Amino acid sequence: MKSPISAVIITKNEEAHIARCIQSLLPLTDDIVIIDSGSTDHTSDVCKQFSVSFEVKPWQGFSAAKNHGNSLAKHNYILSIDGDEELSADMRQAIAELMNSPIHVAYDLPFLTNFCGKWIRHGAWYPESHIRIFDKSVVKWEGDIHEKLIIPSKAKIGKLTKGYIHHYTISNLKEYIEKINHYTSLHAEDLFKRGKKASFVKLYIAPCFSFFRDYILKLGILDGYHGYTIAKQSANYVFLKYMKLKMMEGRDQ
């Protein structure tokens, strides 16, 4: 018997990962809802090989897509998972046991990230956890770029400690740089709309501190070349975000 939980996934061009994600969910739930924002690869063909609910919906932001998927789900409890993620066997078992008698409106789940073929166990990416299980009747997504869950202030959040959500985030450096360029543009636009400024400290000191924190203080150095690359590109993310914001400020004058 499957657990009374629905899995909701938003996708765009996830043909390389989505089958693995779905296969990790099938033993757990009979309700997998996929909201696709217009994939141009074979994501749709791959998804339709499985017993899932698949809908193409024009992009209106992360929260709008996820909330729409939640509205189509059969169960009140939602497992929100991305197309490049999968449940480890231990995590799947932990969720199944949890759903026998959930007592909280939301649950925090541990993550383990795979970067260019290596599991990252230090630095800014480890340990990492996110709230990914919640009761949709009282919890909603909010925000277009860095979406977050709005949880009642008095609600207690549970935590699973067994297993991981495996995140296959980046397969090569070219993909990583393209992703950074895309998201720094979105982030800069969001900051500009909110009236934020790119100060000297944010442009030049913040990136240096980001690298020092992630590579030295958080021991990213122990992940070797991969840890160095993550720390360096994370610092580059901070710099590009504020440099793009600075350029927007100049354009607006």
C-alpha atoms as a PDB file:
ATOM      1  CA  MET A   1       0.000   0.000   0.000  1.00  0.00           C
ATOM      2  CA  LYS A   2       1.339   3.421  -0.995  1.00  0.00           C
ATOM      3  CA  SER A   3       1.703   6.267   1.494  1.00  0.00           C
ATOM      4  CA  PRO A   4      -0.892   9.093   1.705  1.00  0.00           C
ATOM      5  CA  ILE A   5       1.487  11.686   0.276  1.00  0.00           C
ATOM      6  CA  SER A   6       1.650  13.356  -3.147  1.00  0.00           C
ATOM      7  CA  ALA A   7       4.899  14.217  -4.915  1.00  0.00           C
ATOM      8  CA  VAL A   8       4.945  17.505  -6.830  1.00  0.00           C
ATOM      9  CA  ILE A   9       7.702  18.265  -9.342  1.00  0.00           C
ATOM     10  CA  ILE A  10       8.200  21.308 -11.560  1.00  0.00           C
ATOM     11  CA  THR A  11      10.295  20.713 -14.655  1.00  0.00           C
ATOM     12  CA  LYS A  12      11.942  22.296 -17.649  1.00  0.00           C
ATOM     13  CA  ASN A  13      14.376  20.328 -19.798  1.00  0.00           C
ATOM     14  CA  GLU A  14      15.019  17.586 -17.229  1.00  0.00           C
ATOM     15  CA  GLU A  15      15.242  14.594 -19.578  1.00  0.00           C
ATOM     16  CA  ALA A  16      18.649  13.648 -18.168  1.00  0.00           C
ATOM     17  CA  HIS A  17      17.349  13.288 -14.602  1.00  0.00           C
ATOM     18  CA  ILE A  18      13.568  12.990 -14.421  1.00  0.00           C
ATOM     19  CA  ALA A  19      13.292   9.210 -14.890  1.00  0.00           C
ATOM     20  CA  ARG A  20      15.593   8.624 -11.897  1.00  0.00           C
ATOM     21  CA  CYS A  21      13.504  11.039  -9.820  1.00  0.00           C
ATOM     22  CA  ILE A  22      10.200   9.383 -10.719  1.00  0.00           C
ATOM     23  CA  GLN A  23      11.541   5.865 -10.162  1.00  0.00           C
ATOM     24  CA  SER A  24      12.620   6.822  -6.635  1.00  0.00           C
ATOM     25  CA  LEU A  25       9.066   8.012  -5.898  1.00  0.00           C
ATOM     26  CA  LEU A  26       7.008   5.158  -7.363  1.00  0.00           C
ATOM     27  CA  PRO A  27       7.424   2.763  -4.391  1.00  0.00           C
ATOM     28  CA  LEU A  28       6.265   5.543  -2.040  1.00  0.00           C
ATOM     29  CA  THR A  29       3.249   7.247  -3.627  1.00  0.00           C
ATOM     30  CA  ASP A  30       0.475   6.677  -6.129  1.00  0.00           C
ATOM     31  CA  ASP A  31       0.214  10.414  -6.896  1.00  0.00           C
ATOM     32  CA  ILE A  32       3.053  12.134  -8.763  1.00  0.00           C
ATOM     33  CA  VAL A  33       2.162  15.544 -10.216  1.00  0.00           C
ATOM     34  CA  ILE A  34       4.535  17.148 -12.742  1.00  0.00           C
ATOM     35  CA  ILE A  35       4.138  20.767 -13.873  1.00  0.00           C
ATOM     36  CA  ASP A  36       6.303  21.497 -16.907  1.00  0.00           C
ATOM     37  CA  SER A  37       7.013  25.048 -18.037  1.00  0.00           C
ATOM     38  CA  GLY A  38       7.639  24.246 -21.700  1.00  0.00           C
ATOM     39  CA  SER A  39      10.509  21.797 -22.035  1.00  0.00           C
ATOM     40  CA  THR A  40      12.144  21.698 -25.466  1.00  0.00           C
ATOM     41  CA  ASP A  41      13.872  18.365 -24.893  1.00  0.00           C
ATOM     42  CA  HIS A  42      12.311  14.934 -24.276  1.00  0.00           C
ATOM     43  CA  THR A  43      11.180  15.574 -20.691  1.00  0.00           C
ATOM     44  CA  SER A  44       7.532  15.097 -21.677  1.00  0.00           C
ATOM     45  CA  ASP A  45       8.203  11.788 -23.464  1.00  0.00           C
ATOM     46  CA  VAL A  46      10.155  10.423 -20.495  1.00  0.00           C
ATOM     47  CA  CYS A  47       7.501  11.446 -17.948  1.00  0.00           C
ATOM     48  CA  LYS A  48       4.674   9.900 -19.953  1.00  0.00           C
ATOM     49  CA  GLN A  49       6.358   6.501 -19.746  1.00  0.00           C
ATOM     50  CA  PHE A  50       5.309   6.439 -16.094  1.00  0.00           C
ATOM     51  CA  SER A  51       1.996   6.649 -14.261  1.00  0.00           C
ATOM     52  CA  VAL A  52       2.135  10.354 -13.451  1.00  0.00           C
ATOM     53  CA  SER A  53      -0.014  13.432 -13.900  1.00  0.00           C
ATOM     54  CA  PHE A  54       1.773  15.687 -16.427  1.00  0.00           C
ATOM     55  CA  GLU A  55       0.684  19.215 -17.311  1.00  0.00           C
ATOM     56  CA  VAL A  56       2.350  21.955 -19.355  1.00  0.00           C
ATOM     57  CA  LYS A  57       1.738  25.401 -17.901  1.00  0.00           C
ATOM     58  CA  PRO A  58       3.262  28.750 -18.982  1.00  0.00           C
ATOM     59  CA  TRP A  59       5.903  29.960 -16.551  1.00  0.00           C
ATOM     60  CA  GLN A  60       4.664  32.397 -13.904  1.00  0.00           C
ATOM     61  CA  GLY A  61       7.352  31.867 -11.287  1.00  0.00           C
ATOM     62  CA  PHE A  62       8.477  29.065  -8.968  1.00  0.00           C
ATOM     63  CA  SER A  63       5.840  29.587  -6.303  1.00  0.00           C
ATOM     64  CA  ALA A  64       2.962  29.814  -8.781  1.00  0.00           C
ATOM     65  CA  ALA A  65       4.062  26.584 -10.479  1.00  0.00           C
ATOM     66  CA  LYS A  66       4.513  24.686  -7.210  1.00  0.00           C
ATOM     67  CA  ASN A  67       1.254  25.933  -5.702  1.00  0.00           C
ATOM     68  CA  HIS A  68      -0.577  24.940  -8.880  1.00  0.00           C
ATOM     69  CA  GLY A  69       0.907  21.462  -8.649  1.00  0.00           C
ATOM     70  CA  ASN A  70      -0.153  21.245  -5.008  1.00  0.00           C
ATOM     71  CA  SER A  71      -3.721  22.179  -5.988  1.00  0.00           C
ATOM     72  CA  LEU A  72      -3.840  19.152  -8.319  1.00  0.00           C
ATOM     73  CA  ALA A  73      -2.450  16.723  -5.746  1.00  0.00           C
ATOM     74  CA  LYS A  74      -4.794  14.101  -4.258  1.00  0.00           C
ATOM     75  CA  HIS A  75      -3.304  14.090  -0.763  1.00  0.00           C
ATOM     76  CA  ASN A  76      -2.957  16.883   1.792  1.00  0.00           C
ATOM     77  CA  TYR A  77       0.684  16.103   2.516  1.00  0.00           C
ATOM     78  CA  ILE A  78       3.045  17.134  -0.257  1.00  0.00           C
ATOM     79  CA  LEU A  79       6.583  16.013  -0.985  1.00  0.00           C
ATOM     80  CA  SER A  80       8.118  18.802  -3.058  1.00  0.00           C
ATOM     81  CA  ILE A  81      11.024  17.459  -5.092  1.00  0.00           C
ATOM     82  CA  ASP A  82      12.950  18.756  -8.098  1.00  0.00           C
ATOM     83  CA  GLY A  83      13.523  16.855 -11.318  1.00  0.00           C
ATOM     84  CA  ASP A  84      17.264  16.540 -10.641  1.00  0.00           C
ATOM     85  CA  GLU A  85      16.707  15.009  -7.211  1.00  0.00           C
ATOM     86  CA  GLU A  86      15.850  11.516  -5.960  1.00  0.00           C
ATOM     87  CA  LEU A  87      14.969   9.831  -2.690  1.00  0.00           C
ATOM     88  CA  SER A  88      17.572   7.495  -1.266  1.00  0.00           C
ATOM     89  CA  ALA A  89      16.136   4.128  -0.189  1.00  0.00           C
ATOM     90  CA  ASP A  90      16.560   5.076   3.487  1.00  0.00           C
ATOM     91  CA  MET A  91      14.796   8.399   2.957  1.00  0.00           C
ATOM     92  CA  ARG A  92      11.922   6.699   1.152  1.00  0.00           C
ATOM     93  CA  GLN A  93      11.482   4.288   4.067  1.00  0.00           C
ATOM     94  CA  ALA A  94      11.644   7.156   6.588  1.00  0.00           C
ATOM     95  CA  ILE A  95       8.917   9.074   4.743  1.00  0.00           C
ATOM     96  CA  ALA A  96       6.724   5.987   4.492  1.00  0.00           C
ATOM     97  CA  GLU A  97       7.032   5.446   8.254  1.00  0.00           C
ATOM     98  CA  LEU A  98       6.363   9.120   8.928  1.00  0.00           C
ATOM     99  CA  MET A  99       3.169   9.154   6.885  1.00  0.00           C
ATOM    100  CA  ASN A 100       1.648   6.450   9.095  1.00  0.00           C
ATOM    101  CA  SER A 101       1.009   9.167  11.691  1.00  0.00           C
ATOM    102  CA  PRO A 102       2.385  12.638  10.857  1.00  0.00           C
ATOM    103  CA  ILE A 103       2.109  15.091  13.764  1.00  0.00           C
ATOM    104  CA  HIS A 104       3.639  18.271  12.295  1.00  0.00           C
ATOM    105  CA  VAL A 105       2.516  20.494   9.408  1.00  0.00           C
ATOM    106  CA  ALA A 106       5.996  20.449   7.854  1.00  0.00           C
ATOM    107  CA  TYR A 107       9.197  18.400   7.877  1.00  0.00           C
ATOM    108  CA  ASP A 108      12.833  19.244   7.207  1.00  0.00           C
ATOM    109  CA  LEU A 109      14.777  16.732   5.078  1.00  0.00           C
ATOM    110  CA  PRO A 110      18.579  16.286   4.751  1.00  0.00           C
ATOM    111  CA  PHE A 111      20.239  16.644   1.329  1.00  0.00           C
ATOM    112  CA  LEU A 112      23.393  15.215  -0.218  1.00  0.00           C
ATOM    113  CA  THR A 113      24.614  16.980  -3.354  1.00  0.00           C
ATOM    114  CA  ASN A 114      26.449  15.459  -6.307  1.00  0.00           C
ATOM    115  CA  PHE A 115      28.697  17.952  -8.092  1.00  0.00           C
ATOM    116  CA  CYS A 116      30.344  16.788 -11.335  1.00  0.00           C
ATOM    117  CA  GLY A 117      30.214  13.175 -10.171  1.00  0.00           C
ATOM    118  CA  LYS A 118      31.399  13.729  -6.573  1.00  0.00           C
ATOM    119  CA  TRP A 119      29.264  13.673  -3.423  1.00  0.00           C
ATOM    120  CA  ILE A 120      30.004  16.872  -1.510  1.00  0.00           C
ATOM    121  CA  ARG A 121      30.411  16.470   2.269  1.00  0.00           C
ATOM    122  CA  HIS A 122      31.948  19.798   3.307  1.00  0.00           C
ATOM    123  CA  GLY A 123      31.734  23.500   2.544  1.00  0.00           C
ATOM    124  CA  ALA A 124      28.584  25.526   1.941  1.00  0.00           C
ATOM    125  CA  TRP A 125      26.668  22.545   0.559  1.00  0.00           C
ATOM    126  CA  TYR A 126      26.983  20.183   3.531  1.00  0.00           C
ATOM    127  CA  PRO A 127      25.280  19.635   5.834  1.00  0.00           C
ATOM    128  CA  GLU A 128      22.202  20.887   4.000  1.00  0.00           C
ATOM    129  CA  SER A 129      18.500  20.457   4.660  1.00  0.00           C
ATOM    130  CA  HIS A 130      15.251  21.943   3.382  1.00  0.00           C
ATOM    131  CA  ILE A 131      11.590  21.762   4.329  1.00  0.00           C
ATOM    132  CA  ARG A 132      10.138  19.575   1.591  1.00  0.00           C
ATOM    133  CA  ILE A 133       7.191  17.790   3.232  1.00  0.00           C
ATOM    134  CA  PHE A 134       4.210  19.872   4.329  1.00  0.00           C
ATOM    135  CA  ASP A 135       0.443  19.969   4.692  1.00  0.00           C
ATOM    136  CA  LYS A 136      -0.833  21.977   1.710  1.00  0.00           C
ATOM    137  CA  SER A 137      -3.992  22.976   3.585  1.00  0.00           C
ATOM    138  CA  VAL A 138      -1.951  25.277   5.855  1.00  0.00           C
ATOM    139  CA  VAL A 139       1.386  25.783   4.063  1.00  0.00           C
ATOM    140  CA  LYS A 140       1.972  27.637   0.765  1.00  0.00           C
ATOM    141  CA  TRP A 141       4.881  28.701  -1.430  1.00  0.00           C
ATOM    142  CA  GLU A 142       5.716  32.393  -1.829  1.00  0.00           C
ATOM    143  CA  GLY A 143       8.323  34.281  -3.923  1.00  0.00           C
ATOM    144  CA  ASP A 144       9.268  34.104  -7.607  1.00  0.00           C
ATOM    145  CA  ILE A 145      13.058  33.561  -7.583  1.00  0.00           C
ATOM    146  CA  HIS A 146      14.028  32.271  -4.147  1.00  0.00           C
ATOM    147  CA  GLU A 147      10.704  30.740  -3.232  1.00  0.00           C
ATOM    148  CA  LYS A 148       9.999  29.883   0.397  1.00  0.00           C
ATOM    149  CA  LEU A 149       7.307  28.083   2.324  1.00  0.00           C
ATOM    150  CA  ILE A 150       4.975  30.186   4.451  1.00  0.00           C
ATOM    151  CA  ILE A 151       4.345  28.192   7.614  1.00  0.00           C
ATOM    152  CA  PRO A 152       2.093  29.293  10.501  1.00  0.00           C
ATOM    153  CA  SER A 153       4.235  30.998  13.164  1.00  0.00           C
ATOM    154  CA  LYS A 154       3.202  28.632  15.960  1.00  0.00           C
ATOM    155  CA  ALA A 155       3.603  25.467  13.907  1.00  0.00           C
ATOM    156  CA  LYS A 156       6.327  23.010  14.906  1.00  0.00           C
ATOM    157  CA  ILE A 157       8.563  21.650  12.163  1.00  0.00           C
ATOM    158  CA  GLY A 158       9.638  18.026  12.303  1.00  0.00           C
ATOM    159  CA  LYS A 159      12.979  16.733  11.053  1.00  0.00           C
ATOM    160  CA  LEU A 160      13.897  13.484   9.334  1.00  0.00           C
ATOM    161  CA  THR A 161      17.419  12.247  10.004  1.00  0.00           C
ATOM    162  CA  LYS A 162      17.465   8.979   8.078  1.00  0.00           C
ATOM    163  CA  GLY A 163      18.624   8.954   4.458  1.00  0.00           C
ATOM    164  CA  TYR A 164      18.949  11.834   2.018  1.00  0.00           C
ATOM    165  CA  ILE A 165      17.385  13.566  -0.903  1.00  0.00           C
ATOM    166  CA  HIS A 166      20.138  13.122  -3.476  1.00  0.00           C
ATOM    167  CA  HIS A 167      20.614  16.266  -5.561  1.00  0.00           C
ATOM    168  CA  TYR A 168      22.405  15.872  -8.901  1.00  0.00           C
ATOM    169  CA  THR A 169      22.947  19.589  -9.249  1.00  0.00           C
ATOM    170  CA  ILE A 170      25.738  20.041 -11.833  1.00  0.00           C
ATOM    171  CA  SER A 171      27.263  17.564 -14.276  1.00  0.00           C
ATOM    172  CA  ASN A 172      29.984  19.814 -15.774  1.00  0.00           C
ATOM    173  CA  LEU A 173      31.605  23.209 -15.254  1.00  0.00           C
ATOM    174  CA  LYS A 174      30.079  24.744 -18.404  1.00  0.00           C
ATOM    175  CA  GLU A 175      26.604  23.947 -17.058  1.00  0.00           C
ATOM    176  CA  TYR A 176      27.527  25.449 -13.677  1.00  0.00           C
ATOM    177  CA  ILE A 177      28.718  28.731 -15.189  1.00  0.00           C
ATOM    178  CA  GLU A 178      25.609  29.004 -17.386  1.00  0.00           C
ATOM    179  CA  LYS A 179      23.418  28.397 -14.318  1.00  0.00           C
ATOM    180  CA  ILE A 180      25.270  31.058 -12.330  1.00  0.00           C
ATOM    181  CA  ASN A 181      24.870  33.560 -15.164  1.00  0.00           C
ATOM    182  CA  HIS A 182      21.142  32.853 -15.390  1.00  0.00           C
ATOM    183  CA  TYR A 183      20.372  33.051 -11.692  1.00  0.00           C
ATOM    184  CA  THR A 184      22.578  36.070 -10.978  1.00  0.00           C
ATOM    185  CA  SER A 185      20.595  37.970 -13.626  1.00  0.00           C
ATOM    186  CA  LEU A 186      17.303  36.986 -11.985  1.00  0.00           C
ATOM    187  CA  HIS A 187      18.638  37.798  -8.531  1.00  0.00           C
ATOM    188  CA  ALA A 188      19.977  41.198  -9.619  1.00  0.00           C
ATOM    189  CA  GLU A 189      16.634  42.092 -11.185  1.00  0.00           C
ATOM    190  CA  ASP A 190      14.855  41.158  -7.974  1.00  0.00           C
ATOM    191  CA  LEU A 191      17.244  43.279  -5.883  1.00  0.00           C
ATOM    192  CA  PHE A 192      16.825  46.216  -8.275  1.00  0.00           C
ATOM    193  CA  LYS A 193      13.033  46.032  -8.051  1.00  0.00           C
ATOM    194  CA  ARG A 194      13.305  46.101  -4.256  1.00  0.00           C
ATOM    195  CA  GLY A 195      15.499  49.199  -4.343  1.00  0.00           C
ATOM    196  CA  LYS A 196      18.692  47.514  -3.130  1.00  0.00           C
ATOM    197  CA  LYS A 197      22.109  49.035  -3.902  1.00  0.00           C
ATOM    198  CA  ALA A 198      25.445  47.495  -4.894  1.00  0.00           C
ATOM    199  CA  SER A 199      27.847  48.970  -2.353  1.00  0.00           C
ATOM    200  CA  PHE A 200      31.649  48.629  -2.389  1.00  0.00           C
ATOM    201  CA  VAL A 201      31.438  46.082   0.424  1.00  0.00           C
ATOM    202  CA  LYS A 202      28.907  43.927  -1.427  1.00  0.00           C
ATOM    203  CA  LEU A 203      30.846  44.125  -4.697  1.00  0.00           C
ATOM    204  CA  TYR A 204      34.348  43.411  -3.433  1.00  0.00           C
ATOM    205  CA  ILE A 205      34.397  42.314   0.209  1.00  0.00           C
ATOM    206  CA  ALA A 206      31.378  39.987   0.205  1.00  0.00           C
ATOM    207  CA  PRO A 207      32.755  37.700  -2.568  1.00  0.00           C
ATOM    208  CA  CYS A 208      36.098  37.352  -0.734  1.00  0.00           C
ATOM    209  CA  PHE A 209      34.365  36.528   2.522  1.00  0.00           C
ATOM    210  CA  SER A 210      32.130  34.018   0.714  1.00  0.00           C
ATOM    211  CA  PHE A 211      35.194  32.131  -0.575  1.00  0.00           C
ATOM    212  CA  PHE A 212      37.000  32.222   2.794  1.00  0.00           C
ATOM    213  CA  ARG A 213      33.904  31.035   4.665  1.00  0.00           C
ATOM    214  CA  ASP A 214      33.079  28.167   2.291  1.00  0.00           C
ATOM    215  CA  TYR A 215      36.601  26.949   1.515  1.00  0.00           C
ATOM    216  CA  ILE A 216      38.343  27.473   4.866  1.00  0.00           C
ATOM    217  CA  LEU A 217      35.839  27.896   7.696  1.00  0.00           C
ATOM    218  CA  LYS A 218      33.413  25.275   6.348  1.00  0.00           C
ATOM    219  CA  LEU A 219      36.253  22.974   5.224  1.00  0.00           C
ATOM    220  CA  GLY A 220      35.431  22.955   1.516  1.00  0.00           C
ATOM    221  CA  ILE A 221      39.163  22.344   1.071  1.00  0.00           C
ATOM    222  CA  LEU A 222      38.553  18.719   2.150  1.00  0.00           C
ATOM    223  CA  ASP A 223      36.495  18.123  -0.999  1.00  0.00           C
ATOM    224  CA  GLY A 224      39.589  18.785  -3.097  1.00  0.00           C
ATOM    225  CA  TYR A 225      39.281  20.368  -6.528  1.00  0.00           C
ATOM    226  CA  HIS A 226      35.494  20.107  -6.385  1.00  0.00           C
ATOM    227  CA  GLY A 227      35.385  21.994  -3.084  1.00  0.00           C
ATOM    228  CA  TYR A 228      37.665  24.716  -4.483  1.00  0.00           C
ATOM    229  CA  THR A 229      35.516  25.081  -7.592  1.00  0.00           C
ATOM    230  CA  ILE A 230      32.303  25.356  -5.591  1.00  0.00           C
ATOM    231  CA  ALA A 231      33.780  27.977  -3.238  1.00  0.00           C
ATOM    232  CA  LYS A 232      35.266  29.972  -6.119  1.00  0.00           C
ATOM    233  CA  GLN A 233      32.094  29.958  -8.197  1.00  0.00           C
ATOM    234  CA  SER A 234      29.936  30.749  -5.167  1.00  0.00           C
ATOM    235  CA  ALA A 235      32.087  33.842  -4.640  1.00  0.00           C
ATOM    236  CA  ASN A 236      31.733  34.610  -8.334  1.00  0.00           C
ATOM    237  CA  TYR A 237      27.957  34.361  -7.918  1.00  0.00           C
ATOM    238  CA  VAL A 238      28.021  37.048  -5.234  1.00  0.00           C
ATOM    239  CA  PHE A 239      30.210  39.325  -7.365  1.00  0.00           C
ATOM    240  CA  LEU A 240      28.146  38.906 -10.550  1.00  0.00           C
ATOM    241  CA  LYS A 241      24.869  39.441  -8.711  1.00  0.00           C
ATOM    242  CA  TYR A 242      25.992  42.810  -7.397  1.00  0.00           C
ATOM    243  CA  MET A 243      27.887  43.810 -10.547  1.00  0.00           C
ATOM    244  CA  LYS A 244      24.734  43.270 -12.593  1.00  0.00           C
ATOM    245  CA  LEU A 245      22.789  45.259 -10.011  1.00  0.00           C
ATOM    246  CA  LYS A 246      25.377  48.068 -10.306  1.00  0.00           C
ATOM    247  CA  MET A 247      24.940  48.109 -14.078  1.00  0.00           C
ATOM    248  CA  MET A 248      21.166  48.349 -13.665  1.00  0.00           C
ATOM    249  CA  GLU A 249      21.639  51.299 -11.320  1.00  0.00           C
ATOM    250  CA  GLY A 250      23.763  53.071 -13.947  1.00  0.00           C
ATOM    251  CA  ARG A 251      21.216  52.341 -16.662  1.00  0.00           C
ATOM    252  CA  ASP A 252      18.458  53.831 -14.536  1.00  0.00           C
ATOM    253  CA  GLN A 253      20.247  57.165 -14.002  1.00  0.00           C
END
